[in-house]
Amino acid sequence: MFAFDHLPVPSLRMLPPGPLALELLARDSTYVSGSYTRVYPLVVERASGAVVEDVDGNRYLDFTAGIAVTNTGHCHPEVVAAIQEQAARLIHMSGTDFYYRPQIDLAERLAKTAPGPRRHDATAGETGPSPKKVFFCNSGAEAIEAALKLSRWHTRRSRVIAFFGGFHGRTYGAMSLSGSKVVHRRGFSPLVSDIHHVPFPKSCTNSCEKTGCAMVKDIVDTLFRRVAPPDEVAAIFIEPIQGEGGYHILPPGCMVALRKLCDEHGILLVVDEIQSGMGRTGKLYAVEHTGVEPDIVCVAKGVASGLPLGAIIAKANVMNWPTGSHASTFGGNPVACAAALVTLDLLEREYMNNATTRGEQLREGLRKLATKHTYLSGVRGLGLMTAVDLQTAAERDRVIQNCFRRGLLLLGCGDSAVRFCPPLCITSEHVEIALRILDDVLTESINPR
């Protein structure tokens, strides 16, 4: 199905970076902003499925998916065909001021598949538990900004609660909600006001249903009593699985308790599914594992298989802001919407199931490696959103660099974790190759012979 399916991977013709890569890296250093966080000197020429080829002809097994974006695989032929067909018909006619079918079709699709218990309507067919509306933008950070504005406008409240370790983007509202790394904030003050942070529960030792949720208790006993009266809180922003913060999963009971807290005080529950959504955890949205229906869901990354597209999906009675209060020239671009519609087809047809199966295989393999390499610990994840910790950030970074030199692309997250977020089309063989390379690298990088 993919162009590179018949070629062996990894396949390194030379130690990267090769001569063509070095030439481009030099030009990049001269002309491109130094703010980008390049992890290793990979200069990509083309990609297909779970395989990336650099400008010098080296082929790599990609377990990054362009940071959890190409969920259907690089250049999936059905996505490419949809892009080409739509680009030949209409590339742009701003959805802010005009109408076109791809944007309407995608809004309907996202509204009807939004997280929450399913119900059947005689006229609309299967829908979510409440009517939804969709606002389109270009990225995850823009989706967060839209959700922040909508939350404050709808509730007529100013305060917002977010979590330490969370990452929501680098624009001002998104940066102010984030509590991941100092580098994201240093030198950029003043930030958006009235945003309060609390610890993210990486584990839940007690049953929230029986003894009460410690996370909610912290919000009530600390924030509500001391700095943020609940009748001034517009929204609580949370990732069902923290992405950049380390791939930590929110215990399901905590999400249920958080939903109850929001309902008690008229607070909106905003779920950031930018990295965890679009089939990555084996369900379309990670919050579906908890059975909770959010008031607003933020999506981006994997929604259009690599084209820039973001959205917020909100309960219709929440998305009641007036005409002109928020808009986006390029948001909901018809080509990106066409790609997203096919992406959703592929996720539902095969890739969500594959994410579940391959994720279980990957974590089982990582657990076996952890028994062999004692400096590995904390194997965790859902579907193909998986991570494992090393003892230090330096060890983690060295492992990632050495995996790159052997043809496996990985990224870090959190304090010292390696994350595995490959395209959802990976095969059993791909998982075994990745585990074998990681095993070899761990043996030589941490305990060299």
Protein backbone atom coordinates (compact mmCIF):
# COMPACT_ATOMS: atom_id res chain seq x y z
CA MET A 1 0.00 0.00 0.00
CA PHE A 2 2.80 2.42 0.89
CA ALA A 3 5.59 3.31 -1.50
CA PHE A 4 8.38 1.98 0.75
CA ASP A 5 6.68 -1.24 1.85
CA HIS A 6 9.01 -3.41 -0.22
CA LEU A 7 12.23 -1.77 1.00
CA PRO A 8 14.22 -2.86 4.07
CA VAL A 9 14.19 -0.53 7.05
CA PRO A 10 16.28 0.78 8.64
CA SER A 11 18.85 1.06 5.85
CA LEU A 12 21.76 3.45 6.40
CA ARG A 13 24.03 4.12 3.45
CA MET A 14 26.27 6.34 5.59
CA LEU A 15 26.51 7.68 9.11
CA PRO A 16 24.14 10.66 9.37
CA PRO A 17 24.38 13.50 8.66
CA GLY A 18 25.68 12.83 5.15
CA PRO A 19 27.13 15.45 2.76
CA LEU A 20 23.81 16.70 1.38
CA ALA A 21 22.37 16.93 4.89
CA LEU A 22 25.41 18.88 6.10
CA GLU A 23 24.98 21.40 3.29
CA LEU A 24 21.32 21.98 4.19
CA LEU A 25 22.07 22.12 7.92
CA ALA A 26 24.55 24.92 7.28
CA ARG A 27 21.96 26.92 5.33
CA ASP A 28 19.36 26.27 8.02
CA SER A 29 21.74 27.60 10.68
CA THR A 30 22.14 30.81 8.69
CA TYR A 31 18.51 31.53 7.85
CA VAL A 32 16.13 29.68 10.19
CA SER A 33 15.13 30.72 13.72
CA GLY A 34 17.21 29.15 16.45
CA SER A 35 14.11 28.68 18.61
CA TYR A 36 13.27 25.34 16.98
CA THR A 37 14.14 22.29 19.08
CA ARG A 38 15.86 19.98 16.62
CA VAL A 39 16.76 16.74 18.37
CA TYR A 40 19.17 15.23 15.85
CA PRO A 41 20.44 16.16 12.36
CA LEU A 42 17.75 14.45 10.29
CA VAL A 43 17.12 16.22 6.97
CA VAL A 44 14.06 14.54 5.42
CA GLU A 45 13.60 14.11 1.68
CA ARG A 46 10.52 11.89 1.54
CA ALA A 47 8.48 9.51 3.67
CA SER A 48 5.92 6.74 3.32
CA GLY A 49 4.03 4.77 5.94
CA ALA A 50 6.35 4.41 8.92
CA VAL A 51 9.52 5.01 6.91
CA VAL A 52 11.44 8.27 6.48
CA GLU A 53 14.25 8.78 3.96
CA ASP A 54 16.80 11.55 4.32
CA VAL A 55 18.46 13.57 1.56
CA ASP A 56 21.44 11.18 1.49
CA GLY A 57 19.29 8.08 0.96
CA ASN A 58 19.28 6.76 4.53
CA ARG A 59 15.98 5.12 5.51
CA TYR A 60 14.71 5.28 9.09
CA LEU A 61 11.93 3.56 11.00
CA ASP A 62 9.83 6.44 12.31
CA PHE A 63 8.44 6.12 15.84
CA THR A 64 7.68 9.86 16.06
CA ALA A 65 5.05 10.39 13.30
CA GLY A 66 6.21 14.00 13.04
CA ILE A 67 5.30 14.42 16.76
CA ALA A 68 2.13 12.31 16.72
CA VAL A 69 0.78 13.90 13.52
CA THR A 70 0.94 11.41 10.65
CA ASN A 71 -1.35 8.93 12.39
CA THR A 72 -2.40 7.26 9.13
CA GLY A 73 1.24 7.02 8.04
CA HIS A 74 3.33 9.35 5.95
CA CYS A 75 1.75 10.13 2.59
CA HIS A 76 -1.05 7.58 2.83
CA PRO A 77 -2.19 7.11 -0.78
CA GLU A 78 -5.85 7.72 0.05
CA VAL A 79 -5.01 10.93 1.88
CA VAL A 80 -2.74 12.05 -0.95
CA ALA A 81 -5.48 11.36 -3.50
CA ALA A 82 -7.98 13.41 -1.48
CA ILE A 83 -5.51 16.29 -1.22
CA GLN A 84 -4.78 16.23 -4.95
CA GLU A 85 -8.43 16.05 -5.91
CA GLN A 86 -9.43 18.90 -3.61
CA ALA A 87 -6.43 21.06 -4.59
CA ALA A 88 -7.45 20.77 -8.23
CA ARG A 89 -10.94 22.01 -7.34
CA LEU A 90 -10.53 24.62 -4.58
CA ILE A 91 -7.51 25.46 -2.44
CA HIS A 92 -8.81 28.43 -0.47
CA MET A 93 -11.94 30.48 0.01
CA SER A 94 -11.83 31.54 3.64
CA GLY A 95 -14.39 29.70 5.74
CA THR A 96 -14.57 32.77 7.96
CA ASP A 97 -16.54 34.66 5.30
CA PHE A 98 -17.81 32.02 2.89
CA TYR A 99 -19.13 28.45 2.77
CA TYR A 100 -17.77 25.28 1.16
CA ARG A 101 -18.61 21.61 1.45
CA PRO A 102 -15.42 20.12 2.96
CA GLN A 103 -15.59 22.38 6.01
CA ILE A 104 -19.28 21.64 6.58
CA ASP A 105 -18.77 17.90 6.04
CA LEU A 106 -15.89 17.78 8.51
CA ALA A 107 -17.71 19.86 11.12
CA GLU A 108 -20.63 17.44 10.97
CA ARG A 109 -18.31 14.44 11.22
CA LEU A 110 -16.42 15.81 14.22
CA ALA A 111 -19.63 16.88 15.96
CA LYS A 112 -21.22 13.45 15.59
CA THR A 113 -18.12 11.54 16.72
CA ALA A 114 -17.30 13.81 19.67
CA PRO A 115 -16.47 12.00 22.93
CA GLY A 116 -19.32 10.98 25.18
CA PRO A 117 -21.90 8.19 25.39
CA ARG A 118 -23.57 7.43 22.05
CA ARG A 119 -27.27 7.97 21.52
CA HIS A 120 -29.47 7.39 18.48
CA ASP A 121 -31.59 10.16 17.04
CA ALA A 122 -34.35 9.29 14.56
CA THR A 123 -33.40 12.08 12.17
CA ALA A 124 -29.68 12.59 12.78
CA GLY A 125 -28.71 8.94 13.28
CA GLU A 126 -26.06 8.10 15.87
CA THR A 127 -24.80 11.23 17.61
CA GLY A 128 -23.06 12.25 20.77
CA PRO A 129 -24.95 12.79 24.00
CA SER A 130 -25.53 16.47 23.21
CA PRO A 131 -25.41 18.62 20.06
CA LYS A 132 -21.97 19.95 19.16
CA LYS A 133 -20.54 22.77 17.07
CA VAL A 134 -17.04 23.11 15.64
CA PHE A 135 -14.65 26.02 15.23
CA PHE A 136 -11.69 25.49 12.88
CA CYS A 137 -8.18 26.89 13.18
CA ASN A 138 -4.67 25.92 12.04
CA SER A 139 -2.90 24.31 15.00
CA GLY A 140 -3.13 22.95 18.50
CA ALA A 141 -2.04 26.20 20.11
CA GLU A 142 -4.75 28.06 18.19
CA ALA A 143 -7.32 25.52 19.34
CA ILE A 144 -6.30 26.17 22.95
CA GLU A 145 -6.51 29.93 22.43
CA ALA A 146 -10.01 29.54 20.97
CA ALA A 147 -11.10 27.34 23.87
CA LEU A 148 -9.73 29.84 26.39
CA LYS A 149 -11.59 32.72 24.75
CA LEU A 150 -14.83 30.76 24.42
CA SER A 151 -14.66 29.59 28.04
CA ARG A 152 -14.28 33.10 29.37
CA TRP A 153 -16.92 34.54 27.06
CA HIS A 154 -19.51 31.84 27.72
CA THR A 155 -19.18 31.81 31.51
CA ARG A 156 -18.43 35.53 31.96
CA ARG A 157 -15.69 34.38 34.36
CA SER A 158 -11.95 35.05 34.17
CA ARG A 159 -10.11 32.39 36.14
CA VAL A 160 -8.86 29.14 34.65
CA ILE A 161 -7.26 26.05 36.21
CA ALA A 162 -4.56 23.97 34.54
CA PHE A 163 -1.98 21.39 35.65
CA PHE A 164 1.73 21.25 36.32
CA GLY A 165 3.39 19.13 33.65
CA GLY A 166 0.77 20.08 31.08
CA PHE A 167 1.75 21.48 27.71
CA HIS A 168 -0.76 23.32 25.54
CA GLY A 169 1.37 25.34 23.11
CA ARG A 170 3.65 28.36 22.89
CA THR A 171 1.30 31.25 22.04
CA TYR A 172 0.46 33.48 24.98
CA GLY A 173 -2.73 31.88 26.26
CA ALA A 174 -1.47 28.36 25.59
CA MET A 175 1.90 29.16 27.16
CA SER A 176 0.20 30.59 30.24
CA LEU A 177 -1.85 27.39 30.63
CA SER A 178 1.24 25.21 30.25
CA GLY A 179 3.27 24.09 33.25
CA SER A 180 5.83 21.91 31.53
CA LYS A 181 9.23 23.61 31.21
CA VAL A 182 10.73 26.91 32.36
CA VAL A 183 12.20 27.54 28.90
CA HIS A 184 8.68 27.96 27.50
CA ARG A 185 8.07 30.92 29.84
CA ARG A 186 11.43 32.48 30.67
CA GLY A 187 11.67 36.04 29.39
CA PHE A 188 8.10 36.22 28.07
CA SER A 189 6.26 37.75 31.03
CA PRO A 190 3.74 39.11 31.74
CA LEU A 191 1.66 36.07 30.90
CA VAL A 192 -2.12 35.82 30.70
CA SER A 193 -3.53 36.51 34.15
CA ASP A 194 -5.88 34.52 36.39
CA ILE A 195 -4.50 31.08 35.41
CA HIS A 196 -3.82 28.75 38.35
CA HIS A 197 -1.96 25.43 38.37
CA VAL A 198 -2.33 22.30 40.49
CA PRO A 199 -0.41 18.99 40.47
CA PHE A 200 -1.37 16.39 37.87
CA PRO A 201 -2.20 13.00 39.44
CA LYS A 202 0.26 10.57 37.85
CA SER A 203 -1.23 7.77 39.91
CA CYS A 204 -4.31 7.21 42.03
CA THR A 205 -3.74 4.95 45.03
CA ASN A 206 -7.30 5.16 46.32
CA SER A 207 -10.63 4.73 44.65
CA CYS A 208 -11.95 8.18 43.77
CA GLU A 209 -15.49 6.89 43.98
CA LYS A 210 -15.08 5.57 47.53
CA THR A 211 -12.65 7.94 49.24
CA GLY A 212 -12.80 11.07 47.11
CA CYS A 213 -10.33 12.24 44.47
CA ALA A 214 -7.14 13.73 45.91
CA MET A 215 -6.76 15.95 42.85
CA VAL A 216 -10.23 17.42 43.29
CA LYS A 217 -9.65 17.77 47.03
CA ASP A 218 -6.50 19.77 46.27
CA ILE A 219 -8.47 22.10 43.99
CA VAL A 220 -11.26 22.57 46.51
CA ASP A 221 -9.14 22.87 49.66
CA THR A 222 -6.35 24.98 48.19
CA LEU A 223 -7.41 26.93 45.10
CA PHE A 224 -11.08 27.45 45.87
CA ARG A 225 -10.43 28.38 49.52
CA ARG A 226 -7.37 30.59 49.05
CA VAL A 227 -6.99 32.17 45.60
CA ALA A 228 -9.67 31.19 43.07
CA PRO A 229 -13.30 31.29 44.22
CA PRO A 230 -15.21 28.70 42.18
CA ASP A 231 -17.80 31.20 40.97
CA GLU A 232 -14.96 33.04 39.20
CA VAL A 233 -13.51 29.94 37.50
CA ALA A 234 -14.44 29.65 33.82
CA ALA A 235 -12.78 26.36 32.92
CA ILE A 236 -10.42 23.57 33.85
CA PHE A 237 -8.00 22.58 31.06
CA ILE A 238 -6.55 19.08 31.19
CA GLU A 239 -4.84 16.49 28.97
CA PRO A 240 -6.23 12.96 29.43
CA ILE A 241 -2.63 11.87 28.88
CA GLN A 242 0.03 14.50 29.41
CA GLY A 243 2.08 14.68 26.22
CA GLU A 244 5.25 16.72 26.59
CA GLY A 245 4.89 16.27 30.35
CA GLY A 246 5.84 12.60 30.16
CA TYR A 247 2.94 10.51 28.77
CA HIS A 248 1.32 10.24 32.18
CA ILE A 249 -2.26 8.93 32.08
CA LEU A 250 -4.94 10.64 34.15
CA PRO A 251 -6.61 7.92 36.26
CA PRO A 252 -10.18 7.44 34.93
CA GLY A 253 -11.73 8.08 38.33
CA CYS A 254 -10.02 11.47 38.47
CA MET A 255 -11.63 12.55 35.20
CA VAL A 256 -15.03 11.44 36.50
CA ALA A 257 -14.48 13.39 39.73
CA LEU A 258 -13.32 16.42 37.78
CA ARG A 259 -16.48 16.32 35.64
CA LYS A 260 -18.57 16.22 38.82
CA LEU A 261 -16.68 19.17 40.30
CA CYS A 262 -17.21 21.23 37.13
CA ASP A 263 -20.92 20.44 37.12
CA GLU A 264 -21.28 21.48 40.76
CA HIS A 265 -19.82 24.93 40.12
CA GLY A 266 -20.79 25.72 36.52
CA ILE A 267 -17.19 25.33 35.32
CA LEU A 268 -16.40 24.15 31.79
CA LEU A 269 -14.28 21.02 31.39
CA VAL A 270 -11.87 21.53 28.48
CA VAL A 271 -9.98 18.44 27.32
CA ASP A 272 -6.78 18.88 25.30
CA GLU A 273 -6.70 15.95 22.84
CA ILE A 274 -4.14 17.57 20.54
CA GLN A 275 -1.61 14.76 20.97
CA SER A 276 -3.75 12.02 22.50
CA GLY A 277 -6.64 12.22 20.03
CA MET A 278 -7.30 10.91 16.53
CA GLY A 279 -7.04 7.22 17.29
CA ARG A 280 -3.66 7.26 18.99
CA THR A 281 -4.87 5.47 22.14
CA GLY A 282 -7.07 2.98 20.30
CA LYS A 283 -10.13 5.21 20.59
CA LEU A 284 -10.78 8.36 18.60
CA TYR A 285 -10.22 10.40 21.78
CA ALA A 286 -8.33 9.36 24.91
CA VAL A 287 -11.05 10.78 27.16
CA GLU A 288 -13.38 8.06 25.83
CA HIS A 289 -11.50 5.59 28.05
CA THR A 290 -13.04 7.42 31.03
CA GLY A 291 -16.64 7.66 29.79
CA VAL A 292 -16.67 11.42 30.48
CA GLU A 293 -18.15 14.00 28.11
CA PRO A 294 -16.16 17.27 28.09
CA ASP A 295 -17.69 20.66 27.35
CA ILE A 296 -14.93 21.53 24.86
CA VAL A 297 -12.44 19.27 23.09
CA CYS A 298 -9.29 20.66 21.44
CA VAL A 299 -7.88 18.72 18.46
CA ALA A 300 -5.06 19.19 15.95
CA LYS A 301 -1.93 17.16 15.11
CA GLY A 302 -3.29 13.85 13.74
CA VAL A 303 -6.63 15.18 12.48
CA ALA A 304 -5.46 15.82 8.90
CA SER A 305 -2.50 13.42 8.54
CA GLY A 306 0.07 16.20 8.33
CA LEU A 307 -1.81 19.18 6.91
CA PRO A 308 -2.17 22.13 9.29
CA LEU A 309 -5.60 21.94 10.88
CA GLY A 310 -6.95 22.42 14.38
CA ALA A 311 -10.42 22.61 15.86
CA ILE A 312 -12.44 22.94 19.01
CA ILE A 313 -15.56 20.81 19.36
CA ALA A 314 -17.93 22.27 21.93
CA LYS A 315 -21.40 21.62 23.19
CA ALA A 316 -23.71 23.70 21.02
CA ASN A 317 -25.08 25.62 23.99
CA VAL A 318 -21.50 26.50 24.99
CA MET A 319 -20.41 27.69 21.55
CA ASN A 320 -22.76 30.67 21.63
CA TRP A 321 -20.26 33.47 21.05
CA PRO A 322 -21.44 36.18 18.63
CA THR A 323 -20.55 36.67 14.98
CA GLY A 324 -17.11 38.22 14.58
CA SER A 325 -15.93 37.40 18.10
CA HIS A 326 -13.42 34.85 16.84
CA ALA A 327 -12.33 33.75 13.36
CA SER A 328 -9.45 32.39 11.28
CA THR A 329 -8.54 33.18 7.68
CA PHE A 330 -7.02 29.77 6.98
CA GLY A 331 -8.79 27.66 9.62
CA GLY A 332 -10.82 24.87 8.02
CA ASN A 333 -8.95 25.13 4.74
CA PRO A 334 -10.75 22.96 2.17
CA VAL A 335 -7.66 20.89 1.30
CA ALA A 336 -6.93 20.19 4.97
CA CYS A 337 -10.60 19.32 5.57
CA ALA A 338 -10.56 16.87 2.66
CA ALA A 339 -7.48 15.20 4.15
CA ALA A 340 -9.15 15.05 7.57
CA LEU A 341 -12.28 13.35 6.24
CA VAL A 342 -10.22 10.55 4.72
CA THR A 343 -8.08 10.40 7.85
CA LEU A 344 -11.17 9.73 9.96
CA ASP A 345 -12.27 7.00 7.53
CA LEU A 346 -8.89 5.27 7.83
CA LEU A 347 -8.75 5.55 11.61
CA GLU A 348 -12.21 4.02 12.01
CA ARG A 349 -11.66 1.37 9.36
CA GLU A 350 -8.39 -0.09 10.63
CA TYR A 351 -5.90 2.10 12.44
CA MET A 352 -7.54 2.50 15.84
CA ASN A 353 -7.69 -1.28 16.19
CA ASN A 354 -4.09 -1.53 15.04
CA ALA A 355 -3.05 1.08 17.59
CA THR A 356 -4.49 -1.08 20.35
CA THR A 357 -2.85 -4.29 19.16
CA ARG A 358 0.56 -2.82 18.35
CA GLY A 359 0.55 -0.76 21.55
CA GLU A 360 0.05 -3.86 23.67
CA GLN A 361 2.87 -5.58 21.78
CA LEU A 362 5.16 -2.58 22.26
CA ARG A 363 4.54 -2.26 26.00
CA GLU A 364 4.98 -5.99 26.55
CA GLY A 365 8.32 -5.75 24.75
CA LEU A 366 9.36 -2.73 26.79
CA ARG A 367 8.47 -4.51 30.02
CA LYS A 368 10.73 -7.40 29.00
CA LEU A 369 13.53 -4.94 28.25
CA ALA A 370 12.99 -3.36 31.67
CA THR A 371 13.67 -6.72 33.34
CA LYS A 372 16.94 -6.95 31.38
CA HIS A 373 17.99 -3.31 31.71
CA THR A 374 17.23 -2.26 35.28
CA TYR A 375 17.66 1.46 34.52
CA LEU A 376 14.42 1.25 32.50
CA SER A 377 11.19 1.72 34.44
CA GLY A 378 7.65 3.03 34.32
CA VAL A 379 6.38 1.46 31.11
CA ARG A 380 3.01 3.13 30.50
CA GLY A 381 0.57 4.18 27.82
CA LEU A 382 -2.58 3.52 25.89
CA GLY A 383 -2.50 2.35 22.30
CA LEU A 384 0.45 3.86 20.48
CA MET A 385 0.97 6.62 23.03
CA THR A 386 3.59 4.84 25.10
CA ALA A 387 6.61 5.83 27.19
CA VAL A 388 9.33 4.41 29.39
CA ASP A 389 11.66 6.20 31.81
CA LEU A 390 15.41 6.15 32.06
CA GLN A 391 17.18 7.21 35.23
CA THR A 392 18.39 10.59 33.97
CA ALA A 393 17.69 12.99 31.11
CA ALA A 394 21.29 12.58 29.97
CA GLU A 395 20.86 8.81 29.64
CA ARG A 396 17.57 9.31 27.80
CA ASP A 397 19.09 11.77 25.35
CA ARG A 398 22.09 9.53 24.68
CA VAL A 399 19.80 6.59 23.94
CA ILE A 400 17.70 8.63 21.51
CA GLN A 401 20.79 9.89 19.68
CA ASN A 402 22.23 6.38 19.35
CA CYS A 403 18.91 4.99 18.15
CA PHE A 404 18.92 7.68 15.44
CA ARG A 405 22.38 6.59 14.32
CA ARG A 406 21.02 3.04 13.99
CA GLY A 407 17.99 4.14 12.00
CA LEU A 408 15.23 4.43 14.62
CA LEU A 409 13.58 7.81 15.18
CA LEU A 410 12.44 8.52 18.75
CA LEU A 411 11.67 11.57 20.88
CA GLY A 412 11.83 12.33 24.57
CA CYS A 413 9.19 13.72 26.90
CA GLY A 414 8.91 14.57 30.57
CA ASP A 415 11.99 14.56 32.77
CA SER A 416 13.71 11.44 31.43
CA ALA A 417 11.21 9.48 29.35
CA VAL A 418 11.42 8.11 25.82
CA ARG A 419 8.10 8.37 24.01
CA PHE A 420 6.83 6.06 21.29
CA CYS A 421 4.23 7.71 19.06
CA PRO A 422 4.65 6.02 15.66
CA PRO A 423 2.21 6.13 12.77
CA LEU A 424 -0.77 3.93 13.57
CA CYS A 425 -0.06 1.84 10.47
CA ILE A 426 3.04 0.19 11.96
CA THR A 427 3.30 -3.58 11.73
CA SER A 428 4.29 -6.26 14.20
CA GLU A 429 7.64 -6.45 12.42
CA HIS A 430 8.18 -2.71 12.88
CA VAL A 431 7.62 -3.05 16.63
CA GLU A 432 10.08 -5.93 16.87
CA ILE A 433 12.70 -3.98 14.90
CA ALA A 434 12.30 -0.98 17.18
CA LEU A 435 12.60 -3.11 20.31
CA ARG A 436 15.68 -4.87 18.94
CA ILE A 437 17.42 -1.58 18.12
CA LEU A 438 16.52 -0.16 21.52
CA ASP A 439 17.85 -3.29 23.25
CA ASP A 440 21.16 -3.03 21.38
CA VAL A 441 21.48 0.69 22.10
CA LEU A 442 20.68 0.26 25.79
CA THR A 443 23.30 -2.45 26.08
CA GLU A 444 26.00 -0.33 24.43
CA SER A 445 24.98 3.16 25.59
CA ILE A 446 24.34 2.52 29.27
CA ASN A 447 26.47 -0.55 30.01
CA PRO A 448 29.10 -0.68 27.24
CA ARG A 449 30.97 -3.94 26.95
